[in-house]
Amino acid sequence: MRIGVLGSGTVGTTLAGGFLAHGHDVMIGSARMVNPVYEQGRPSMFICGNDQTAKLHVSRLLDQVAERD
């Protein structure tokens, strides 16, 4: 499975190591996550949870970090 880990601190590194140990393809978040510019265009984001208000807030935050100057 391809897994993206947001955060490269202690928790992110530990999670990534665990997923790698079980044979998963892992990418750890980096500076490219803010104002991302990719050939294919803006990346899509999967937002899970059962709180619609919280998901709306997260969507707005993602829109902010994806804005280009």
C-alpha atoms as a PDB file:
ATOM      1  CA  MET A   1       0.000   0.000   0.000  1.00  0.00           C
ATOM      2  CA  ARG A   2       1.186   3.565  -0.669  1.00  0.00           C
ATOM      3  CA  ILE A   3       1.014   5.652   2.514  1.00  0.00           C
ATOM      4  CA  GLY A   4       1.726   9.329   3.064  1.00  0.00           C
ATOM      5  CA  VAL A   5       2.745  10.440   6.564  1.00  0.00           C
ATOM      6  CA  LEU A   6       2.144  14.084   7.423  1.00  0.00           C
ATOM      7  CA  GLY A   7       4.873  15.266   9.735  1.00  0.00           C
ATOM      8  CA  SER A   8       8.487  14.257   9.871  1.00  0.00           C
ATOM      9  CA  GLY A   9       9.019  14.534  13.619  1.00  0.00           C
ATOM     10  CA  THR A  10       9.215  11.671  16.107  1.00  0.00           C
ATOM     11  CA  VAL A  11       5.628  10.473  15.636  1.00  0.00           C
ATOM     12  CA  GLY A  12       5.745  10.692  11.830  1.00  0.00           C
ATOM     13  CA  THR A  13       9.090   8.939  11.671  1.00  0.00           C
ATOM     14  CA  THR A  14       7.899   6.152  13.986  1.00  0.00           C
ATOM     15  CA  LEU A  15       4.712   5.613  11.969  1.00  0.00           C
ATOM     16  CA  ALA A  16       6.636   5.591   8.700  1.00  0.00           C
ATOM     17  CA  GLY A  17       9.130   3.068  10.095  1.00  0.00           C
ATOM     18  CA  GLY A  18       6.322   0.782  11.214  1.00  0.00           C
ATOM     19  CA  PHE A  19       4.604   0.921   7.822  1.00  0.00           C
ATOM     20  CA  LEU A  20       7.923   0.310   6.030  1.00  0.00           C
ATOM     21  CA  ALA A  21       8.612  -2.696   8.271  1.00  0.00           C
ATOM     22  CA  HIS A  22       5.347  -4.204   7.029  1.00  0.00           C
ATOM     23  CA  GLY A  23       6.296  -3.730   3.384  1.00  0.00           C
ATOM     24  CA  HIS A  24       4.373  -0.551   2.558  1.00  0.00           C
ATOM     25  CA  ASP A  25       5.586   2.215   0.243  1.00  0.00           C
ATOM     26  CA  VAL A  26       5.864   5.311   2.465  1.00  0.00           C
ATOM     27  CA  MET A  27       6.405   8.989   1.724  1.00  0.00           C
ATOM     28  CA  ILE A  28       7.043  11.402   4.589  1.00  0.00           C
ATOM     29  CA  GLY A  29       5.679  14.935   4.277  1.00  0.00           C
ATOM     30  CA  SER A  30       8.097  17.681   3.381  1.00  0.00           C
ATOM     31  CA  ALA A  31       8.293  21.328   2.445  1.00  0.00           C
ATOM     32  CA  ARG A  32       6.586  20.388  -0.838  1.00  0.00           C
ATOM     33  CA  MET A  33       3.353  20.083   1.100  1.00  0.00           C
ATOM     34  CA  VAL A  34       3.043  23.868   1.373  1.00  0.00           C
ATOM     35  CA  ASN A  35       2.279  25.653  -1.890  1.00  0.00           C
ATOM     36  CA  PRO A  36       2.693  22.414  -3.873  1.00  0.00           C
ATOM     37  CA  VAL A  37       3.530  22.765  -7.551  1.00  0.00           C
ATOM     38  CA  TYR A  38       3.348  19.590  -9.603  1.00  0.00           C
ATOM     39  CA  GLU A  39       3.306  18.989 -13.337  1.00  0.00           C
ATOM     40  CA  GLN A  40      -0.045  17.220 -13.008  1.00  0.00           C
ATOM     41  CA  GLY A  41      -1.616  20.149 -11.137  1.00  0.00           C
ATOM     42  CA  ARG A  42      -2.841  20.537  -7.584  1.00  0.00           C
ATOM     43  CA  PRO A  43      -2.841  17.275  -5.587  1.00  0.00           C
ATOM     44  CA  SER A  44      -6.084  15.893  -4.199  1.00  0.00           C
ATOM     45  CA  MET A  45      -6.386  15.358  -0.448  1.00  0.00           C
ATOM     46  CA  PHE A  46      -8.319  12.625   1.357  1.00  0.00           C
ATOM     47  CA  ILE A  47     -10.032  13.928   4.493  1.00  0.00           C
ATOM     48  CA  CYS A  48     -11.704  11.391   6.746  1.00  0.00           C
ATOM     49  CA  GLY A  49     -13.824  11.718   9.851  1.00  0.00           C
ATOM     50  CA  ASN A  50     -17.426  12.052  10.931  1.00  0.00           C
ATOM     51  CA  ASP A  51     -17.375  15.720  11.970  1.00  0.00           C
ATOM     52  CA  GLN A  52     -18.417  17.766   8.939  1.00  0.00           C
ATOM     53  CA  THR A  53     -17.417  21.068  10.575  1.00  0.00           C
ATOM     54  CA  ALA A  54     -13.918  19.790  11.332  1.00  0.00           C
ATOM     55  CA  LYS A  55     -13.547  18.496   7.761  1.00  0.00           C
ATOM     56  CA  LEU A  56     -14.601  21.903   6.438  1.00  0.00           C
ATOM     57  CA  HIS A  57     -11.926  23.589   8.573  1.00  0.00           C
ATOM     58  CA  VAL A  58      -9.284  21.139   7.335  1.00  0.00           C
ATOM     59  CA  SER A  59     -10.368  21.756   3.730  1.00  0.00           C
ATOM     60  CA  ARG A  60      -9.955  25.489   4.228  1.00  0.00           C
ATOM     61  CA  LEU A  61      -6.503  25.000   5.771  1.00  0.00           C
ATOM     62  CA  LEU A  62      -5.453  22.843   2.840  1.00  0.00           C
ATOM     63  CA  ASP A  63      -6.713  25.500   0.435  1.00  0.00           C
ATOM     64  CA  GLN A  64      -4.564  28.077   2.247  1.00  0.00           C
ATOM     65  CA  VAL A  65      -1.349  26.050   2.037  1.00  0.00           C
ATOM     66  CA  ALA A  66      -2.045  25.143  -1.598  1.00  0.00           C
ATOM     67  CA  GLU A  67      -2.409  28.778  -2.710  1.00  0.00           C
ATOM     68  CA  ARG A  68       0.284  30.105  -4.952  1.00  0.00           C
ATOM     69  CA  ASP A  69       1.723  33.590  -4.656  1.00  0.00           C
END
